[in-house]
Amino acid sequence: MPVKFSIFSLATVLFRPKAVFDALAVNEPSAAKVFFGFALWIGVLPPLFAYIGTMNFGWRLGVEPVFLPQHMVLAISAAYFAALLLGFLSSAVIARWMAITYDASQSLGRCFALMAIVGAPLAVGSVIHLYPHAFINVLVLVPTLIWSMYLLYRGLPVVLQTGPNRGMLMASALIAYLLVAAVSLLGVTVALWGSGLGPLIGY
């Protein structure tokens, strides 16, 4: 039975991932349907929650909340959304490229579906952005990150139809790519902010 990737099947993806993995191994999904029906919508959630939380409570990086003008919060949320989409697309493309080395399926639809499933816990966990306290956000998002990594290691060999050992190595390589990409993005952000392109923080 084909997997219907839509935002309405989020609960199935989160709580019955094995069934979804098995279905994807048999039925190749359309990359466009996965992207527009599922990935795009879960990608909207983190910046949306961050926008609402920042506008209502301000970011709590220390004792006092940090408030920003609405147009700056909107711009940061839009950049957040763009970064998430770029991360999703690049991860799926890198996974397809790695598939040759690890004797895995090179289906772009399956790679899209796998990365969408892996990102789902983080998207749901981002609801904590509604109360943007740095420490509390880290406290909640670290377990969801571990959940996402578990789904990657568990699902990659099944979805991309490769052996367990090769799947583990490929998953590790993907995590290494994501870590490098995250650190690079953080470095670029700090450089731009330091050059005066970031928002001026006011209380």
N, C-alpha and C. Protein backbone atom coordinates (compact mmCIF):
# COMPACT_ATOMS: atom_id res chain seq x y z
N MET A 1 0.85 -1.20 0.00
CA MET A 1 0.00 0.00 0.00
C MET A 1 0.88 1.25 0.00
N PRO A 2 0.73 2.15 -0.99
CA PRO A 2 1.57 3.34 -1.08
C PRO A 2 1.44 4.24 0.14
N VAL A 3 2.55 4.87 0.50
CA VAL A 3 2.55 5.80 1.61
C VAL A 3 2.09 7.16 1.12
N LYS A 4 1.10 7.72 1.79
CA LYS A 4 0.62 9.05 1.44
C LYS A 4 1.31 10.06 2.34
N PHE A 5 2.26 10.78 1.76
CA PHE A 5 2.98 11.77 2.54
C PHE A 5 2.23 13.08 2.52
N SER A 6 1.61 13.38 3.64
CA SER A 6 0.96 14.67 3.81
C SER A 6 1.10 15.06 5.27
N ILE A 7 0.86 16.31 5.55
CA ILE A 7 0.99 16.79 6.92
C ILE A 7 0.02 16.06 7.84
N PHE A 8 -1.05 15.50 7.29
CA PHE A 8 -2.04 14.79 8.09
C PHE A 8 -1.57 13.40 8.52
N SER A 9 -0.49 12.92 7.89
CA SER A 9 0.05 11.61 8.27
C SER A 9 1.24 11.75 9.21
N LEU A 10 1.39 12.94 9.80
CA LEU A 10 2.53 13.21 10.68
C LEU A 10 2.57 12.24 11.87
N ALA A 11 1.40 11.97 12.47
CA ALA A 11 1.35 11.07 13.62
C ALA A 11 1.83 9.67 13.25
N THR A 12 1.46 9.20 12.07
CA THR A 12 1.90 7.88 11.61
C THR A 12 3.41 7.85 11.44
N VAL A 13 3.95 8.91 10.85
CA VAL A 13 5.39 8.99 10.64
C VAL A 13 6.13 8.99 11.97
N LEU A 14 5.58 9.66 12.98
CA LEU A 14 6.25 9.78 14.27
C LEU A 14 6.14 8.51 15.11
N PHE A 15 4.95 7.91 15.13
CA PHE A 15 4.70 6.84 16.08
C PHE A 15 4.65 5.44 15.46
N ARG A 16 4.63 5.38 14.12
CA ARG A 16 4.69 4.08 13.46
C ARG A 16 5.71 4.13 12.33
N PRO A 17 6.93 4.54 12.65
CA PRO A 17 7.93 4.71 11.58
C PRO A 17 8.28 3.41 10.87
N LYS A 18 8.28 2.28 11.59
CA LYS A 18 8.64 1.02 10.95
C LYS A 18 7.69 0.68 9.81
N ALA A 19 6.40 0.91 10.03
CA ALA A 19 5.42 0.64 8.97
C ALA A 19 5.67 1.54 7.76
N VAL A 20 6.03 2.79 8.04
CA VAL A 20 6.31 3.73 6.95
C VAL A 20 7.57 3.31 6.22
N PHE A 21 8.61 2.92 6.95
CA PHE A 21 9.86 2.47 6.33
C PHE A 21 9.60 1.27 5.42
N ASP A 22 8.83 0.30 5.92
CA ASP A 22 8.55 -0.90 5.14
C ASP A 22 7.77 -0.57 3.87
N ALA A 23 6.83 0.35 3.99
CA ALA A 23 6.04 0.75 2.82
C ALA A 23 6.91 1.46 1.79
N LEU A 24 7.83 2.28 2.25
CA LEU A 24 8.72 3.00 1.33
C LEU A 24 9.68 2.06 0.62
N ALA A 25 10.03 0.96 1.28
CA ALA A 25 10.93 0.00 0.66
C ALA A 25 10.26 -0.71 -0.52
N VAL A 26 8.93 -0.76 -0.49
CA VAL A 26 8.18 -1.44 -1.54
C VAL A 26 7.66 -0.46 -2.58
N ASN A 27 7.20 0.69 -2.12
CA ASN A 27 6.60 1.68 -3.01
C ASN A 27 7.47 2.93 -3.07
N GLU A 28 7.91 3.28 -4.27
CA GLU A 28 8.75 4.46 -4.45
C GLU A 28 7.87 5.71 -4.52
N PRO A 29 8.01 6.65 -3.59
CA PRO A 29 7.18 7.86 -3.60
C PRO A 29 7.69 8.88 -4.60
N SER A 30 6.82 9.79 -4.95
CA SER A 30 7.19 10.90 -5.82
C SER A 30 7.91 11.96 -5.00
N ALA A 31 9.07 12.42 -5.48
CA ALA A 31 9.83 13.46 -4.77
C ALA A 31 9.00 14.72 -4.61
N ALA A 32 8.26 15.09 -5.66
CA ALA A 32 7.44 16.30 -5.61
C ALA A 32 6.34 16.18 -4.57
N LYS A 33 5.70 15.01 -4.50
CA LYS A 33 4.63 14.82 -3.53
C LYS A 33 5.15 14.84 -2.10
N VAL A 34 6.32 14.24 -1.89
CA VAL A 34 6.91 14.26 -0.55
C VAL A 34 7.25 15.69 -0.15
N PHE A 35 7.83 16.43 -1.09
CA PHE A 35 8.25 17.79 -0.77
C PHE A 35 7.06 18.71 -0.51
N PHE A 36 6.13 18.76 -1.45
CA PHE A 36 5.00 19.70 -1.34
C PHE A 36 3.91 19.20 -0.40
N GLY A 37 3.81 17.90 -0.20
CA GLY A 37 2.75 17.38 0.64
C GLY A 37 3.14 17.21 2.10
N PHE A 38 4.46 17.12 2.36
CA PHE A 38 4.89 16.84 3.74
C PHE A 38 6.04 17.73 4.19
N ALA A 39 7.17 17.63 3.49
CA ALA A 39 8.39 18.33 3.94
C ALA A 39 8.22 19.84 4.03
N LEU A 40 7.56 20.42 3.05
CA LEU A 40 7.38 21.87 3.04
C LEU A 40 6.58 22.34 4.26
N TRP A 41 5.58 21.56 4.64
CA TRP A 41 4.71 21.95 5.75
C TRP A 41 5.37 21.79 7.10
N ILE A 42 6.14 20.71 7.28
CA ILE A 42 6.82 20.57 8.56
C ILE A 42 7.98 21.58 8.65
N GLY A 43 8.47 22.01 7.49
CA GLY A 43 9.51 23.04 7.48
C GLY A 43 9.00 24.40 7.91
N VAL A 44 7.70 24.62 7.73
CA VAL A 44 7.09 25.89 8.13
C VAL A 44 6.97 26.00 9.65
N LEU A 45 6.82 24.86 10.32
CA LEU A 45 6.51 24.88 11.75
C LEU A 45 7.57 25.58 12.62
N PRO A 46 8.86 25.23 12.53
CA PRO A 46 9.84 25.88 13.42
C PRO A 46 9.90 27.40 13.28
N PRO A 47 10.00 27.96 12.05
CA PRO A 47 10.02 29.43 11.96
C PRO A 47 8.70 30.07 12.39
N LEU A 48 7.59 29.38 12.17
CA LEU A 48 6.30 29.92 12.60
C LEU A 48 6.24 29.99 14.12
N PHE A 49 6.62 28.91 14.78
CA PHE A 49 6.64 28.91 16.25
C PHE A 49 7.61 29.96 16.78
N ALA A 50 8.77 30.07 16.14
CA ALA A 50 9.78 31.04 16.59
C ALA A 50 9.26 32.46 16.44
N TYR A 51 8.55 32.72 15.35
CA TYR A 51 8.00 34.07 15.12
C TYR A 51 6.99 34.42 16.20
N ILE A 52 6.06 33.50 16.45
CA ILE A 52 5.01 33.75 17.44
C ILE A 52 5.61 33.93 18.83
N GLY A 53 6.54 33.03 19.19
CA GLY A 53 7.15 33.11 20.52
C GLY A 53 7.97 34.37 20.71
N THR A 54 8.75 34.74 19.70
CA THR A 54 9.60 35.93 19.81
C THR A 54 8.77 37.20 19.92
N MET A 55 7.69 37.27 19.15
CA MET A 55 6.85 38.47 19.17
C MET A 55 6.12 38.60 20.51
N ASN A 56 5.78 37.48 21.12
CA ASN A 56 4.99 37.53 22.36
C ASN A 56 5.83 37.57 23.62
N PHE A 57 6.95 36.86 23.62
CA PHE A 57 7.73 36.73 24.85
C PHE A 57 9.15 37.26 24.74
N GLY A 58 9.66 37.40 23.53
CA GLY A 58 11.05 37.79 23.37
C GLY A 58 11.96 36.61 23.69
N TRP A 59 13.17 36.65 23.15
CA TRP A 59 14.12 35.57 23.43
C TRP A 59 14.78 35.80 24.77
N ARG A 60 14.84 34.76 25.56
CA ARG A 60 15.49 34.84 26.87
C ARG A 60 16.85 34.16 26.79
N LEU A 61 17.87 34.98 26.55
CA LEU A 61 19.24 34.50 26.48
C LEU A 61 19.94 34.61 27.82
N GLY A 62 19.37 35.44 28.71
CA GLY A 62 19.93 35.65 30.04
C GLY A 62 18.80 35.90 31.00
N VAL A 63 18.92 36.98 31.75
CA VAL A 63 17.89 37.32 32.73
C VAL A 63 16.73 38.04 32.08
N GLU A 64 17.05 39.05 31.28
CA GLU A 64 16.02 39.87 30.66
C GLU A 64 15.68 39.36 29.25
N PRO A 65 14.40 39.40 28.87
CA PRO A 65 14.02 38.99 27.51
C PRO A 65 14.51 39.99 26.47
N VAL A 66 14.87 39.47 25.30
CA VAL A 66 15.35 40.31 24.20
C VAL A 66 14.22 40.43 23.18
N PHE A 67 13.78 41.67 22.95
CA PHE A 67 12.71 41.93 21.98
C PHE A 67 13.30 42.58 20.73
N LEU A 68 12.78 42.18 19.59
CA LEU A 68 13.21 42.74 18.31
C LEU A 68 12.01 43.33 17.58
N PRO A 69 12.23 44.31 16.70
CA PRO A 69 11.13 44.85 15.90
C PRO A 69 10.50 43.76 15.03
N GLN A 70 9.24 43.94 14.72
CA GLN A 70 8.50 42.91 13.99
C GLN A 70 9.14 42.58 12.64
N HIS A 71 9.61 43.61 11.91
CA HIS A 71 10.16 43.33 10.59
C HIS A 71 11.45 42.52 10.69
N MET A 72 12.21 42.70 11.77
CA MET A 72 13.43 41.91 11.96
C MET A 72 13.09 40.47 12.32
N VAL A 73 12.09 40.28 13.17
CA VAL A 73 11.66 38.93 13.54
C VAL A 73 11.15 38.20 12.30
N LEU A 74 10.41 38.91 11.46
CA LEU A 74 9.90 38.30 10.23
C LEU A 74 11.04 37.92 9.29
N ALA A 75 12.04 38.79 9.17
CA ALA A 75 13.18 38.50 8.31
C ALA A 75 13.97 37.31 8.83
N ILE A 76 14.18 37.25 10.14
CA ILE A 76 14.92 36.13 10.74
C ILE A 76 14.15 34.83 10.56
N SER A 77 12.83 34.88 10.73
CA SER A 77 12.00 33.68 10.56
C SER A 77 12.05 33.19 9.11
N ALA A 78 12.02 34.14 8.17
CA ALA A 78 12.11 33.77 6.75
C ALA A 78 13.46 33.14 6.43
N ALA A 79 14.54 33.69 7.02
CA ALA A 79 15.87 33.12 6.81
C ALA A 79 15.96 31.73 7.45
N TYR A 80 15.33 31.57 8.58
CA TYR A 80 15.26 30.27 9.27
C TYR A 80 14.58 29.24 8.37
N PHE A 81 13.46 29.62 7.78
CA PHE A 81 12.72 28.73 6.87
C PHE A 81 13.57 28.37 5.66
N ALA A 82 14.25 29.36 5.08
CA ALA A 82 15.10 29.12 3.90
C ALA A 82 16.25 28.17 4.25
N ALA A 83 16.83 28.35 5.44
CA ALA A 83 17.94 27.49 5.86
C ALA A 83 17.46 26.05 6.06
N LEU A 84 16.26 25.87 6.61
CA LEU A 84 15.72 24.53 6.80
C LEU A 84 15.46 23.85 5.47
N LEU A 85 14.89 24.59 4.51
CA LEU A 85 14.63 24.01 3.20
C LEU A 85 15.93 23.65 2.49
N LEU A 86 16.92 24.54 2.59
CA LEU A 86 18.21 24.26 1.97
C LEU A 86 18.85 23.02 2.61
N GLY A 87 18.73 22.91 3.93
CA GLY A 87 19.28 21.75 4.62
C GLY A 87 18.59 20.46 4.19
N PHE A 88 17.27 20.52 4.06
CA PHE A 88 16.51 19.33 3.65
C PHE A 88 16.89 18.91 2.23
N LEU A 89 16.86 19.85 1.30
CA LEU A 89 17.14 19.53 -0.10
C LEU A 89 18.58 19.04 -0.28
N SER A 90 19.52 19.74 0.35
CA SER A 90 20.92 19.33 0.20
C SER A 90 21.17 17.96 0.82
N SER A 91 20.53 17.68 1.95
CA SER A 91 20.70 16.37 2.60
C SER A 91 20.17 15.25 1.72
N ALA A 92 19.02 15.48 1.10
CA ALA A 92 18.45 14.46 0.23
C ALA A 92 19.33 14.23 -1.00
N VAL A 93 19.85 15.32 -1.56
CA VAL A 93 20.72 15.19 -2.74
C VAL A 93 22.03 14.51 -2.36
N ILE A 94 22.60 14.87 -1.22
CA ILE A 94 23.83 14.22 -0.75
C ILE A 94 23.59 12.73 -0.49
N ALA A 95 22.43 12.41 0.09
CA ALA A 95 22.10 11.00 0.34
C ALA A 95 22.03 10.22 -0.97
N ARG A 96 21.45 10.85 -1.98
CA ARG A 96 21.37 10.17 -3.28
C ARG A 96 22.76 9.98 -3.88
N TRP A 97 23.62 10.97 -3.70
CA TRP A 97 24.98 10.89 -4.21
C TRP A 97 25.77 9.80 -3.47
N MET A 98 25.59 9.72 -2.15
CA MET A 98 26.27 8.70 -1.36
C MET A 98 25.78 7.29 -1.67
N ALA A 99 24.56 7.19 -2.16
CA ALA A 99 23.95 5.88 -2.39
C ALA A 99 24.79 5.03 -3.34
N ILE A 100 25.48 5.66 -4.26
CA ILE A 100 26.31 4.91 -5.21
C ILE A 100 27.41 4.16 -4.45
N THR A 101 28.05 4.86 -3.52
CA THR A 101 29.15 4.28 -2.74
C THR A 101 28.68 3.14 -1.85
N TYR A 102 27.48 3.31 -1.26
CA TYR A 102 27.00 2.34 -0.28
C TYR A 102 26.02 1.33 -0.86
N ASP A 103 25.97 1.26 -2.20
CA ASP A 103 25.12 0.28 -2.89
C ASP A 103 23.67 0.36 -2.41
N ALA A 104 23.18 1.60 -2.33
CA ALA A 104 21.81 1.85 -1.87
C ALA A 104 20.97 2.38 -3.02
N SER A 105 19.67 2.46 -2.80
CA SER A 105 18.76 2.99 -3.81
C SER A 105 19.06 4.46 -4.09
N GLN A 106 19.08 4.82 -5.37
CA GLN A 106 19.35 6.19 -5.77
C GLN A 106 18.07 6.96 -6.08
N SER A 107 16.96 6.45 -5.59
CA SER A 107 15.67 7.10 -5.82
C SER A 107 15.60 8.43 -5.07
N LEU A 108 15.39 9.52 -5.78
CA LEU A 108 15.28 10.82 -5.14
C LEU A 108 14.05 10.89 -4.26
N GLY A 109 12.97 10.24 -4.67
CA GLY A 109 11.75 10.23 -3.86
C GLY A 109 11.98 9.56 -2.52
N ARG A 110 12.70 8.44 -2.52
CA ARG A 110 12.99 7.75 -1.25
C ARG A 110 13.92 8.59 -0.37
N CYS A 111 14.90 9.25 -0.99
CA CYS A 111 15.80 10.11 -0.21
C CYS A 111 15.04 11.28 0.40
N PHE A 112 14.13 11.87 -0.38
CA PHE A 112 13.28 12.95 0.15
C PHE A 112 12.45 12.44 1.32
N ALA A 113 11.84 11.27 1.13
CA ALA A 113 10.97 10.72 2.18
C ALA A 113 11.77 10.42 3.44
N LEU A 114 12.96 9.84 3.29
CA LEU A 114 13.78 9.51 4.45
C LEU A 114 14.15 10.76 5.23
N MET A 115 14.61 11.80 4.54
CA MET A 115 15.02 13.02 5.23
C MET A 115 13.83 13.74 5.85
N ALA A 116 12.66 13.62 5.22
CA ALA A 116 11.45 14.22 5.80
C ALA A 116 11.07 13.52 7.10
N ILE A 117 11.18 12.19 7.11
CA ILE A 117 10.88 11.44 8.33
C ILE A 117 11.87 11.78 9.43
N VAL A 118 13.14 11.85 9.07
CA VAL A 118 14.19 12.17 10.04
C VAL A 118 13.98 13.55 10.65
N GLY A 119 13.50 14.49 9.85
CA GLY A 119 13.30 15.85 10.33
C GLY A 119 12.00 16.07 11.09
N ALA A 120 11.08 15.11 11.01
CA ALA A 120 9.77 15.29 11.64
C ALA A 120 9.83 15.50 13.15
N PRO A 121 10.61 14.72 13.92
CA PRO A 121 10.66 14.97 15.37
C PRO A 121 11.18 16.36 15.72
N LEU A 122 12.15 16.84 14.98
CA LEU A 122 12.68 18.18 15.24
C LEU A 122 11.63 19.25 14.94
N ALA A 123 10.87 19.02 13.87
CA ALA A 123 9.82 19.99 13.52
C ALA A 123 8.76 20.05 14.61
N VAL A 124 8.36 18.89 15.13
CA VAL A 124 7.36 18.84 16.20
C VAL A 124 7.95 19.40 17.49
N GLY A 125 9.19 19.05 17.79
CA GLY A 125 9.83 19.54 19.01
C GLY A 125 10.02 21.04 19.01
N SER A 126 10.04 21.64 17.82
CA SER A 126 10.22 23.10 17.73
C SER A 126 9.04 23.88 18.29
N VAL A 127 7.98 23.18 18.71
CA VAL A 127 6.87 23.87 19.37
C VAL A 127 7.36 24.61 20.61
N ILE A 128 8.52 24.18 21.14
CA ILE A 128 9.09 24.85 22.30
C ILE A 128 9.53 26.26 21.96
N HIS A 129 9.67 26.57 20.66
CA HIS A 129 9.99 27.95 20.25
C HIS A 129 8.90 28.93 20.67
N LEU A 130 7.72 28.41 20.98
CA LEU A 130 6.64 29.30 21.42
C LEU A 130 7.00 29.98 22.73
N TYR A 131 7.89 29.35 23.49
CA TYR A 131 8.45 30.00 24.68
C TYR A 131 9.97 30.02 24.49
N PRO A 132 10.48 31.05 23.82
CA PRO A 132 11.88 31.04 23.39
C PRO A 132 12.90 31.35 24.48
N HIS A 133 13.04 30.42 25.39
CA HIS A 133 14.09 30.49 26.40
C HIS A 133 15.20 29.55 25.94
N ALA A 134 16.43 30.07 25.85
CA ALA A 134 17.53 29.32 25.26
C ALA A 134 17.74 27.97 25.95
N PHE A 135 17.79 27.97 27.28
CA PHE A 135 18.07 26.73 28.01
C PHE A 135 16.95 25.71 27.83
N ILE A 136 15.71 26.16 27.93
CA ILE A 136 14.57 25.24 27.79
C ILE A 136 14.50 24.68 26.38
N ASN A 137 14.80 25.52 25.38
CA ASN A 137 14.79 25.04 24.00
C ASN A 137 15.84 23.94 23.79
N VAL A 138 17.03 24.15 24.32
CA VAL A 138 18.08 23.13 24.21
C VAL A 138 17.65 21.86 24.93
N LEU A 139 17.04 22.00 26.09
CA LEU A 139 16.62 20.87 26.91
C LEU A 139 15.61 19.99 26.15
N VAL A 140 14.75 20.62 25.36
CA VAL A 140 13.72 19.88 24.62
C VAL A 140 14.25 19.37 23.28
N LEU A 141 15.04 20.18 22.59
CA LEU A 141 15.45 19.82 21.24
C LEU A 141 16.55 18.77 21.19
N VAL A 142 17.35 18.64 22.24
CA VAL A 142 18.39 17.60 22.25
C VAL A 142 17.78 16.20 22.19
N PRO A 143 16.76 15.88 23.03
CA PRO A 143 16.14 14.55 22.90
C PRO A 143 15.49 14.32 21.53
N THR A 144 14.88 15.37 20.96
CA THR A 144 14.26 15.18 19.63
C THR A 144 15.34 14.97 18.57
N LEU A 145 16.50 15.58 18.75
CA LEU A 145 17.62 15.35 17.83
C LEU A 145 18.08 13.89 17.91
N ILE A 146 18.13 13.36 19.12
CA ILE A 146 18.50 11.95 19.30
C ILE A 146 17.46 11.05 18.64
N TRP A 147 16.19 11.41 18.78
CA TRP A 147 15.10 10.66 18.13
C TRP A 147 15.29 10.67 16.62
N SER A 148 15.62 11.83 16.05
CA SER A 148 15.84 11.94 14.62
C SER A 148 17.00 11.07 14.16
N MET A 149 18.08 11.07 14.94
CA MET A 149 19.24 10.24 14.59
C MET A 149 18.88 8.76 14.64
N TYR A 150 18.06 8.37 15.62
CA TYR A 150 17.60 6.99 15.71
C TYR A 150 16.82 6.60 14.45
N LEU A 151 15.93 7.49 14.02
CA LEU A 151 15.13 7.21 12.82
C LEU A 151 16.01 7.09 11.59
N LEU A 152 17.08 7.90 11.52
CA LEU A 152 17.98 7.83 10.38
C LEU A 152 18.70 6.47 10.36
N TYR A 153 19.25 6.07 11.49
CA TYR A 153 19.97 4.79 11.54
C TYR A 153 19.04 3.61 11.32
N ARG A 154 17.83 3.73 11.84
CA ARG A 154 16.87 2.62 11.72
C ARG A 154 16.25 2.56 10.32
N GLY A 155 15.98 3.72 9.75
CA GLY A 155 15.23 3.74 8.50
C GLY A 155 16.07 3.68 7.24
N LEU A 156 17.29 4.19 7.28
CA LEU A 156 18.07 4.27 6.04
C LEU A 156 18.29 2.91 5.37
N PRO A 157 18.72 1.87 6.10
CA PRO A 157 18.92 0.58 5.41
C PRO A 157 17.64 0.03 4.79
N VAL A 158 16.51 0.29 5.43
CA VAL A 158 15.24 -0.24 4.91
C VAL A 158 14.76 0.57 3.71
N VAL A 159 14.71 1.89 3.87
CA VAL A 159 14.17 2.75 2.82
C VAL A 159 15.06 2.74 1.57
N LEU A 160 16.37 2.81 1.77
CA LEU A 160 17.29 2.87 0.63
C LEU A 160 17.83 1.50 0.23
N GLN A 161 17.28 0.46 0.85
CA GLN A 161 17.51 -0.92 0.42
C GLN A 161 19.00 -1.27 0.35
N THR A 162 19.66 -1.14 1.47
CA THR A 162 21.06 -1.54 1.57
C THR A 162 21.25 -2.36 2.83
N GLY A 163 22.41 -2.97 2.99
CA GLY A 163 22.67 -3.80 4.15
C GLY A 163 22.80 -2.99 5.43
N PRO A 164 22.59 -3.63 6.59
CA PRO A 164 22.66 -2.91 7.87
C PRO A 164 24.00 -2.22 8.10
N ASN A 165 25.10 -2.91 7.77
CA ASN A 165 26.42 -2.32 8.00
C ASN A 165 26.65 -1.11 7.09
N ARG A 166 26.32 -1.26 5.82
CA ARG A 166 26.47 -0.14 4.89
C ARG A 166 25.51 0.99 5.26
N GLY A 167 24.32 0.61 5.71
CA GLY A 167 23.36 1.63 6.13
C GLY A 167 23.87 2.44 7.31
N MET A 168 24.50 1.76 8.27
CA MET A 168 25.05 2.46 9.42
C MET A 168 26.17 3.41 9.01
N LEU A 169 27.03 2.96 8.11
CA LEU A 169 28.11 3.82 7.64
C LEU A 169 27.58 5.01 6.86
N MET A 170 26.56 4.79 6.03
CA MET A 170 25.99 5.89 5.25
C MET A 170 25.29 6.89 6.15
N ALA A 171 24.57 6.38 7.15
CA ALA A 171 23.90 7.27 8.10
C ALA A 171 24.91 8.12 8.85
N SER A 172 26.03 7.51 9.24
CA SER A 172 27.08 8.24 9.94
C SER A 172 27.69 9.32 9.04
N ALA A 173 27.86 8.99 7.77
CA ALA A 173 28.40 9.96 6.83
C ALA A 173 27.42 11.13 6.64
N LEU A 174 26.14 10.84 6.61
CA LEU A 174 25.14 11.90 6.49
C LEU A 174 25.14 12.81 7.72
N ILE A 175 25.26 12.21 8.90
CA ILE A 175 25.32 13.01 10.12
C ILE A 175 26.56 13.90 10.12
N ALA A 176 27.69 13.36 9.63
CA ALA A 176 28.91 14.16 9.54
C ALA A 176 28.70 15.35 8.61
N TYR A 177 28.03 15.11 7.48
CA TYR A 177 27.73 16.22 6.55
C TYR A 177 26.85 17.27 7.22
N LEU A 178 25.83 16.83 7.94
CA LEU A 178 24.91 17.76 8.59
C LEU A 178 25.61 18.58 9.67
N LEU A 179 26.53 17.94 10.40
CA LEU A 179 27.27 18.66 11.43
C LEU A 179 28.17 19.74 10.81
N VAL A 180 28.85 19.38 9.74
CA VAL A 180 29.71 20.36 9.05
C VAL A 180 28.87 21.50 8.50
N ALA A 181 27.71 21.17 7.91
CA ALA A 181 26.84 22.20 7.35
C ALA A 181 26.32 23.13 8.44
N ALA A 182 25.95 22.55 9.61
CA ALA A 182 25.43 23.35 10.72
C ALA A 182 26.49 24.30 11.26
N VAL A 183 27.72 23.78 11.44
CA VAL A 183 28.80 24.63 11.94
C VAL A 183 29.14 25.72 10.94
N SER A 184 29.13 25.38 9.65
CA SER A 184 29.41 26.38 8.61
C SER A 184 28.35 27.47 8.60
N LEU A 185 27.08 27.07 8.73
CA LEU A 185 26.00 28.05 8.77
C LEU A 185 26.13 28.94 9.99
N LEU A 186 26.49 28.36 11.12
CA LEU A 186 26.68 29.16 12.33
C LEU A 186 27.81 30.16 12.15
N GLY A 187 28.90 29.73 11.51
CA GLY A 187 30.02 30.62 11.27
C GLY A 187 29.65 31.77 10.35
N VAL A 188 28.90 31.46 9.29
CA VAL A 188 28.46 32.51 8.37
C VAL A 188 27.54 33.50 9.08
N THR A 189 26.63 32.97 9.92
CA THR A 189 25.70 33.83 10.66
C THR A 189 26.45 34.78 11.59
N VAL A 190 27.43 34.24 12.32
CA VAL A 190 28.22 35.07 13.24
C VAL A 190 28.99 36.14 12.47
N ALA A 191 29.56 35.76 11.32
CA ALA A 191 30.33 36.71 10.51
C ALA A 191 29.44 37.84 9.99
N LEU A 192 28.25 37.48 9.51
CA LEU A 192 27.33 38.49 8.99
C LEU A 192 26.84 39.40 10.11
N TRP A 193 26.53 38.81 11.27
CA TRP A 193 26.05 39.60 12.41
C TRP A 193 27.15 40.56 12.86
N GLY A 194 28.39 40.05 12.91
CA GLY A 194 29.50 40.89 13.32
C GLY A 194 29.81 42.01 12.34
N SER A 195 29.40 41.81 11.08
CA SER A 195 29.62 42.84 10.06
C SER A 195 28.51 43.89 10.03
N GLY A 196 27.54 43.73 10.93
CA GLY A 196 26.46 44.71 11.01
C GLY A 196 25.24 44.34 10.21
N LEU A 197 25.20 43.12 9.61
CA LEU A 197 24.04 42.71 8.83
C LEU A 197 22.96 42.06 9.67
N GLY A 198 23.27 41.76 10.93
CA GLY A 198 22.26 41.20 11.82
C GLY A 198 21.46 42.28 12.49
N PRO A 199 20.41 41.91 13.21
CA PRO A 199 19.57 42.89 13.89
C PRO A 199 20.29 43.52 15.08
N LEU A 200 19.95 44.76 15.34
CA LEU A 200 20.46 45.43 16.52
C LEU A 200 19.57 45.06 17.70
N ILE A 201 20.15 44.46 18.71
CA ILE A 201 19.36 43.97 19.84
C ILE A 201 19.00 45.10 20.77
N GLY A 202 17.72 45.17 21.10
CA GLY A 202 17.26 46.18 22.03
C GLY A 202 16.34 45.57 23.05
N TYR A 203 16.19 46.21 24.18
CA TYR A 203 15.33 45.68 25.23
C TYR A 203 14.03 46.49 25.29
